[in-house]
Amino acid sequence: QVQLVESGGGLVQAGGSLGLSCEASGLTSSSYVMGWFRQAPGKEREFVARIRWRDGGSIYVDSVKGRFTISRDNAKNTVYLQMNSLKPEETAVYYCAAAAWDLRRSYYNTGGYDYWGQGTQVTVSS
């Protein structure tokens, strides 16, 4: 049974930094992808970043490039999202997701992922 557990959310002022963690258990293959999404009230869940576990290859949504960094720790089965220069409009519940690596999948939308964490709230005050 796959479980993803996020942590690290909280309240931060605009321009500040916050780091999120997602610990994965039950993933039986080394060839998978982990992603971060966010969902603001009244909006759809949107892609933020993803990382390929095997080689660390990462992709970001344009709006966070240069400010957010996704990384992973193989030994801890944990993926991280370091968020810098946060903006009030980035207030949302942040979700971790995982899926097997498959060239036929798109990992830019929620349908590309099989497993989800419970989410962690990030609030950026102005």
N, C-alpha and C. Protein backbone atom coordinates (compact mmCIF):
# COMPACT_ATOMS: atom_id res chain seq x y z
N GLN A 1 0.85 -1.19 0.00
CA GLN A 1 0.00 0.00 0.00
C GLN A 1 0.89 1.24 0.00
N VAL A 2 0.67 2.10 -0.98
CA VAL A 2 1.47 3.31 -1.11
C VAL A 2 0.90 4.40 -0.21
N GLN A 3 1.79 5.04 0.51
CA GLN A 3 1.39 6.18 1.34
C GLN A 3 2.33 7.34 1.10
N LEU A 4 1.75 8.52 1.00
CA LEU A 4 2.52 9.75 0.86
C LEU A 4 2.10 10.67 1.99
N VAL A 5 3.07 11.15 2.74
CA VAL A 5 2.77 11.99 3.89
C VAL A 5 3.54 13.29 3.77
N GLU A 6 2.78 14.38 3.59
CA GLU A 6 3.40 15.70 3.46
C GLU A 6 3.58 16.34 4.83
N SER A 7 4.55 17.22 4.90
CA SER A 7 4.74 18.03 6.10
C SER A 7 5.45 19.32 5.71
N GLY A 8 5.40 20.28 6.62
CA GLY A 8 6.16 21.51 6.41
C GLY A 8 5.37 22.73 6.03
N GLY A 9 4.07 22.59 5.86
CA GLY A 9 3.27 23.76 5.52
C GLY A 9 3.19 24.73 6.69
N GLY A 10 2.64 25.89 6.42
CA GLY A 10 2.50 26.88 7.48
C GLY A 10 2.21 28.25 6.94
N LEU A 11 2.42 29.24 7.80
CA LEU A 11 2.17 30.63 7.46
C LEU A 11 3.50 31.35 7.27
N VAL A 12 3.58 32.10 6.19
CA VAL A 12 4.81 32.84 5.90
C VAL A 12 4.43 34.17 5.27
N GLN A 13 5.25 35.16 5.47
CA GLN A 13 5.00 36.46 4.85
C GLN A 13 5.44 36.45 3.39
N ALA A 14 4.83 37.32 2.62
CA ALA A 14 5.22 37.44 1.22
C ALA A 14 6.71 37.73 1.13
N GLY A 15 7.35 37.04 0.19
CA GLY A 15 8.79 37.15 0.03
C GLY A 15 9.58 36.17 0.86
N GLY A 16 8.89 35.47 1.73
CA GLY A 16 9.56 34.51 2.60
C GLY A 16 9.73 33.15 1.96
N SER A 17 10.25 32.22 2.74
CA SER A 17 10.55 30.87 2.26
C SER A 17 9.89 29.82 3.13
N LEU A 18 9.63 28.70 2.50
CA LEU A 18 9.04 27.57 3.21
C LEU A 18 9.48 26.29 2.51
N GLY A 19 9.71 25.24 3.30
CA GLY A 19 10.09 23.98 2.70
C GLY A 19 9.07 22.91 3.03
N LEU A 20 8.69 22.13 2.04
CA LEU A 20 7.76 21.03 2.20
C LEU A 20 8.49 19.70 2.02
N SER A 21 8.00 18.70 2.71
CA SER A 21 8.54 17.34 2.58
C SER A 21 7.41 16.38 2.29
N CYS A 22 7.74 15.32 1.60
CA CYS A 22 6.77 14.25 1.32
C CYS A 22 7.50 12.92 1.43
N GLU A 23 7.15 12.17 2.45
CA GLU A 23 7.76 10.86 2.65
C GLU A 23 6.88 9.80 2.02
N ALA A 24 7.49 8.97 1.20
CA ALA A 24 6.77 7.92 0.50
C ALA A 24 7.09 6.56 1.08
N SER A 25 6.08 5.73 1.16
CA SER A 25 6.27 4.35 1.57
C SER A 25 5.44 3.45 0.67
N GLY A 26 5.92 2.23 0.48
CA GLY A 26 5.16 1.27 -0.32
C GLY A 26 5.40 1.34 -1.81
N LEU A 27 6.27 2.22 -2.27
CA LEU A 27 6.58 2.27 -3.70
C LEU A 27 7.58 1.16 -4.00
N THR A 28 7.20 0.25 -4.88
CA THR A 28 8.00 -0.95 -5.09
C THR A 28 8.97 -0.84 -6.25
N SER A 29 8.85 0.19 -7.04
CA SER A 29 9.74 0.35 -8.18
C SER A 29 10.62 1.57 -7.99
N SER A 30 11.83 1.51 -8.53
CA SER A 30 12.72 2.67 -8.45
C SER A 30 12.46 3.63 -9.60
N SER A 31 11.62 3.20 -10.54
CA SER A 31 11.36 4.03 -11.70
C SER A 31 10.01 4.71 -11.54
N TYR A 32 10.00 5.77 -10.79
CA TYR A 32 8.74 6.49 -10.64
C TYR A 32 8.99 7.99 -10.60
N VAL A 33 7.90 8.70 -10.63
CA VAL A 33 7.91 10.17 -10.65
C VAL A 33 7.15 10.66 -9.44
N MET A 34 7.67 11.72 -8.85
CA MET A 34 6.92 12.36 -7.77
C MET A 34 6.71 13.82 -8.11
N GLY A 35 5.53 14.28 -7.83
CA GLY A 35 5.20 15.64 -8.19
C GLY A 35 4.59 16.41 -7.04
N TRP A 36 4.60 17.72 -7.20
CA TRP A 36 3.91 18.62 -6.27
C TRP A 36 2.84 19.39 -7.05
N PHE A 37 1.67 19.45 -6.47
CA PHE A 37 0.56 20.22 -7.02
C PHE A 37 0.07 21.16 -5.92
N ARG A 38 -0.74 22.12 -6.31
CA ARG A 38 -1.37 22.99 -5.32
C ARG A 38 -2.78 23.33 -5.76
N GLN A 39 -3.62 23.58 -4.76
CA GLN A 39 -5.01 23.91 -5.04
C GLN A 39 -5.45 25.03 -4.13
N ALA A 40 -5.76 26.15 -4.73
CA ALA A 40 -6.28 27.31 -4.00
C ALA A 40 -7.80 27.18 -3.90
N PRO A 41 -8.41 27.84 -2.93
CA PRO A 41 -9.86 27.77 -2.78
C PRO A 41 -10.58 28.18 -4.06
N GLY A 42 -11.50 27.33 -4.49
CA GLY A 42 -12.29 27.64 -5.67
C GLY A 42 -11.59 27.43 -6.99
N LYS A 43 -10.38 26.90 -6.95
CA LYS A 43 -9.62 26.69 -8.18
C LYS A 43 -9.27 25.22 -8.35
N GLU A 44 -8.89 24.88 -9.57
CA GLU A 44 -8.48 23.51 -9.84
C GLU A 44 -7.07 23.26 -9.30
N ARG A 45 -6.80 22.00 -9.07
CA ARG A 45 -5.47 21.61 -8.63
C ARG A 45 -4.50 21.79 -9.79
N GLU A 46 -3.40 22.48 -9.54
CA GLU A 46 -2.47 22.78 -10.61
C GLU A 46 -1.08 22.21 -10.34
N PHE A 47 -0.42 21.87 -11.42
CA PHE A 47 0.92 21.33 -11.36
C PHE A 47 1.91 22.39 -10.91
N VAL A 48 2.86 21.99 -10.06
CA VAL A 48 3.92 22.89 -9.63
C VAL A 48 5.28 22.39 -10.13
N ALA A 49 5.59 21.14 -9.83
CA ALA A 49 6.89 20.59 -10.21
C ALA A 49 6.83 19.08 -10.12
N ARG A 50 7.76 18.42 -10.83
CA ARG A 50 7.88 16.97 -10.69
C ARG A 50 9.34 16.59 -10.83
N ILE A 51 9.66 15.44 -10.25
CA ILE A 51 11.02 14.94 -10.30
C ILE A 51 11.00 13.46 -10.62
N ARG A 52 11.89 13.04 -11.49
CA ARG A 52 12.02 11.63 -11.84
C ARG A 52 12.99 11.01 -10.84
N TRP A 53 12.51 9.98 -10.17
CA TRP A 53 13.28 9.45 -9.05
C TRP A 53 14.63 8.89 -9.50
N ARG A 54 14.64 8.24 -10.67
CA ARG A 54 15.84 7.52 -11.10
C ARG A 54 17.03 8.45 -11.30
N ASP A 55 16.79 9.58 -11.96
CA ASP A 55 17.93 10.44 -12.30
C ASP A 55 17.79 11.87 -11.81
N GLY A 56 16.70 12.16 -11.11
CA GLY A 56 16.53 13.50 -10.56
C GLY A 56 16.08 14.53 -11.56
N GLY A 57 15.74 14.11 -12.77
CA GLY A 57 15.27 15.06 -13.76
C GLY A 57 14.01 15.79 -13.28
N SER A 58 14.02 17.10 -13.37
CA SER A 58 12.90 17.87 -12.82
C SER A 58 12.34 18.86 -13.82
N ILE A 59 11.08 19.18 -13.63
CA ILE A 59 10.37 20.16 -14.46
C ILE A 59 9.50 21.00 -13.56
N TYR A 60 9.38 22.28 -13.91
CA TYR A 60 8.59 23.21 -13.11
C TYR A 60 7.57 23.95 -13.98
N VAL A 61 6.50 24.37 -13.35
CA VAL A 61 5.61 25.30 -14.02
C VAL A 61 6.34 26.63 -14.13
N ASP A 62 6.08 27.37 -15.20
CA ASP A 62 6.83 28.59 -15.46
C ASP A 62 6.79 29.59 -14.30
N SER A 63 5.66 29.66 -13.63
CA SER A 63 5.48 30.68 -12.60
C SER A 63 6.38 30.49 -11.38
N VAL A 64 6.96 29.31 -11.21
CA VAL A 64 7.80 29.07 -10.03
C VAL A 64 9.27 28.87 -10.37
N LYS A 65 9.59 28.87 -11.65
CA LYS A 65 10.98 28.66 -12.06
C LYS A 65 11.88 29.73 -11.45
N GLY A 66 12.99 29.29 -10.90
CA GLY A 66 13.93 30.20 -10.28
C GLY A 66 13.63 30.49 -8.82
N ARG A 67 12.45 30.10 -8.36
CA ARG A 67 12.07 30.33 -6.96
C ARG A 67 11.87 29.04 -6.19
N PHE A 68 11.35 28.02 -6.85
CA PHE A 68 11.08 26.75 -6.19
C PHE A 68 12.10 25.72 -6.66
N THR A 69 12.42 24.80 -5.76
CA THR A 69 13.33 23.71 -6.10
C THR A 69 12.78 22.40 -5.57
N ILE A 70 12.64 21.43 -6.47
CA ILE A 70 12.22 20.09 -6.07
C ILE A 70 13.46 19.21 -6.00
N SER A 71 13.51 18.38 -4.98
CA SER A 71 14.67 17.50 -4.83
C SER A 71 14.21 16.22 -4.14
N ARG A 72 15.10 15.22 -4.12
CA ARG A 72 14.73 13.98 -3.44
C ARG A 72 15.92 13.41 -2.70
N ASP A 73 15.58 12.64 -1.68
CA ASP A 73 16.58 11.91 -0.90
C ASP A 73 16.24 10.44 -1.03
N ASN A 74 17.05 9.74 -1.82
CA ASN A 74 16.75 8.32 -2.08
C ASN A 74 16.72 7.50 -0.81
N ALA A 75 17.66 7.76 0.08
CA ALA A 75 17.77 6.95 1.28
C ALA A 75 16.55 7.11 2.19
N LYS A 76 15.96 8.30 2.15
CA LYS A 76 14.82 8.57 3.02
C LYS A 76 13.49 8.43 2.31
N ASN A 77 13.52 8.10 1.02
CA ASN A 77 12.28 8.01 0.22
C ASN A 77 11.44 9.28 0.39
N THR A 78 12.11 10.38 0.32
CA THR A 78 11.45 11.66 0.57
C THR A 78 11.74 12.64 -0.56
N VAL A 79 10.71 13.36 -0.95
CA VAL A 79 10.85 14.43 -1.93
C VAL A 79 10.57 15.75 -1.23
N TYR A 80 11.27 16.78 -1.65
CA TYR A 80 11.18 18.08 -1.01
C TYR A 80 10.76 19.14 -2.03
N LEU A 81 10.16 20.18 -1.52
CA LEU A 81 9.88 21.36 -2.33
C LEU A 81 10.30 22.58 -1.53
N GLN A 82 11.38 23.19 -1.94
CA GLN A 82 11.84 24.43 -1.31
C GLN A 82 11.25 25.60 -2.07
N MET A 83 10.53 26.44 -1.35
CA MET A 83 9.82 27.55 -1.98
C MET A 83 10.38 28.87 -1.44
N ASN A 84 10.90 29.67 -2.34
CA ASN A 84 11.45 30.97 -1.96
C ASN A 84 10.65 32.09 -2.63
N SER A 85 10.78 33.28 -2.09
CA SER A 85 10.09 34.46 -2.65
C SER A 85 8.61 34.19 -2.86
N LEU A 86 7.98 33.67 -1.86
CA LEU A 86 6.57 33.28 -1.97
C LEU A 86 5.67 34.50 -2.14
N LYS A 87 4.58 34.30 -2.86
CA LYS A 87 3.62 35.36 -3.16
C LYS A 87 2.27 35.01 -2.53
N PRO A 88 1.49 36.01 -2.18
CA PRO A 88 0.18 35.74 -1.57
C PRO A 88 -0.71 34.85 -2.44
N GLU A 89 -0.61 35.01 -3.74
CA GLU A 89 -1.46 34.21 -4.64
C GLU A 89 -1.05 32.74 -4.67
N GLU A 90 0.04 32.41 -4.01
CA GLU A 90 0.47 31.01 -3.93
C GLU A 90 -0.07 30.32 -2.67
N THR A 91 -0.92 31.01 -1.97
CA THR A 91 -1.62 30.39 -0.85
C THR A 91 -2.51 29.26 -1.39
N ALA A 92 -2.32 28.07 -0.84
CA ALA A 92 -3.03 26.90 -1.36
C ALA A 92 -2.73 25.71 -0.46
N VAL A 93 -3.46 24.65 -0.71
CA VAL A 93 -3.09 23.36 -0.15
C VAL A 93 -2.14 22.71 -1.16
N TYR A 94 -0.99 22.30 -0.68
CA TYR A 94 0.02 21.68 -1.53
C TYR A 94 -0.04 20.17 -1.35
N TYR A 95 -0.07 19.47 -2.48
CA TYR A 95 -0.19 18.02 -2.48
C TYR A 95 1.02 17.39 -3.13
N CYS A 96 1.42 16.27 -2.56
CA CYS A 96 2.45 15.42 -3.13
C CYS A 96 1.75 14.29 -3.88
N ALA A 97 2.34 13.87 -5.00
CA ALA A 97 1.76 12.79 -5.78
C ALA A 97 2.86 11.90 -6.33
N ALA A 98 2.50 10.66 -6.66
CA ALA A 98 3.47 9.71 -7.19
C ALA A 98 2.84 8.86 -8.27
N ALA A 99 3.70 8.42 -9.20
CA ALA A 99 3.24 7.56 -10.28
C ALA A 99 4.44 6.81 -10.85
N ALA A 100 4.15 5.69 -11.49
CA ALA A 100 5.21 4.98 -12.19
C ALA A 100 5.64 5.81 -13.40
N TRP A 101 6.92 5.76 -13.71
CA TRP A 101 7.43 6.49 -14.88
C TRP A 101 6.98 5.77 -16.15
N ASP A 102 6.34 6.53 -17.01
CA ASP A 102 5.79 5.97 -18.25
C ASP A 102 5.83 7.07 -19.30
N LEU A 103 6.54 6.83 -20.40
CA LEU A 103 6.69 7.86 -21.44
C LEU A 103 5.34 8.27 -22.03
N ARG A 104 4.34 7.42 -21.88
CA ARG A 104 3.04 7.74 -22.46
C ARG A 104 2.21 8.66 -21.58
N ARG A 105 2.68 8.89 -20.35
CA ARG A 105 1.91 9.71 -19.43
C ARG A 105 2.35 11.17 -19.49
N SER A 106 1.39 12.02 -19.17
CA SER A 106 1.72 13.41 -18.93
C SER A 106 1.72 13.63 -17.42
N TYR A 107 2.79 14.17 -16.92
CA TYR A 107 2.90 14.40 -15.49
C TYR A 107 2.63 15.86 -15.14
N TYR A 108 2.00 16.58 -16.09
CA TYR A 108 1.66 17.97 -15.85
C TYR A 108 0.23 18.13 -15.32
N ASN A 109 -0.50 17.05 -15.26
CA ASN A 109 -1.87 17.14 -14.77
C ASN A 109 -2.14 16.01 -13.78
N THR A 110 -3.21 16.16 -13.05
CA THR A 110 -3.51 15.22 -11.97
C THR A 110 -3.73 13.80 -12.47
N GLY A 111 -4.20 13.66 -13.69
CA GLY A 111 -4.48 12.33 -14.23
C GLY A 111 -3.25 11.47 -14.43
N GLY A 112 -2.07 12.07 -14.39
CA GLY A 112 -0.84 11.32 -14.58
C GLY A 112 -0.35 10.61 -13.34
N TYR A 113 -1.01 10.81 -12.23
CA TYR A 113 -0.53 10.30 -10.95
C TYR A 113 -1.52 9.32 -10.34
N ASP A 114 -0.97 8.33 -9.66
CA ASP A 114 -1.78 7.26 -9.08
C ASP A 114 -2.01 7.44 -7.58
N TYR A 115 -1.09 8.12 -6.93
CA TYR A 115 -1.14 8.20 -5.48
C TYR A 115 -1.00 9.66 -5.04
N TRP A 116 -1.73 9.98 -3.97
CA TRP A 116 -1.75 11.36 -3.48
C TRP A 116 -1.60 11.39 -1.98
N GLY A 117 -0.94 12.44 -1.50
CA GLY A 117 -0.90 12.69 -0.07
C GLY A 117 -2.14 13.45 0.36
N GLN A 118 -2.20 13.74 1.65
CA GLN A 118 -3.38 14.39 2.20
C GLN A 118 -3.35 15.91 2.03
N GLY A 119 -2.20 16.44 1.68
CA GLY A 119 -2.07 17.87 1.47
C GLY A 119 -1.61 18.60 2.71
N THR A 120 -0.94 19.71 2.49
CA THR A 120 -0.50 20.56 3.59
C THR A 120 -0.75 22.02 3.20
N GLN A 121 -1.28 22.78 4.15
CA GLN A 121 -1.68 24.16 3.87
C GLN A 121 -0.46 25.08 3.88
N VAL A 122 -0.38 25.90 2.85
CA VAL A 122 0.62 26.96 2.80
C VAL A 122 -0.14 28.28 2.68
N THR A 123 0.09 29.17 3.60
CA THR A 123 -0.56 30.48 3.58
C THR A 123 0.50 31.56 3.52
N VAL A 124 0.39 32.41 2.50
CA VAL A 124 1.35 33.50 2.32
C VAL A 124 0.61 34.81 2.57
N SER A 125 1.02 35.50 3.60
CA SER A 125 0.34 36.75 3.96
C SER A 125 1.01 37.93 3.25
N SER A 126 0.20 38.92 2.94
CA SER A 126 0.72 40.09 2.22
C SER A 126 1.18 41.18 3.18
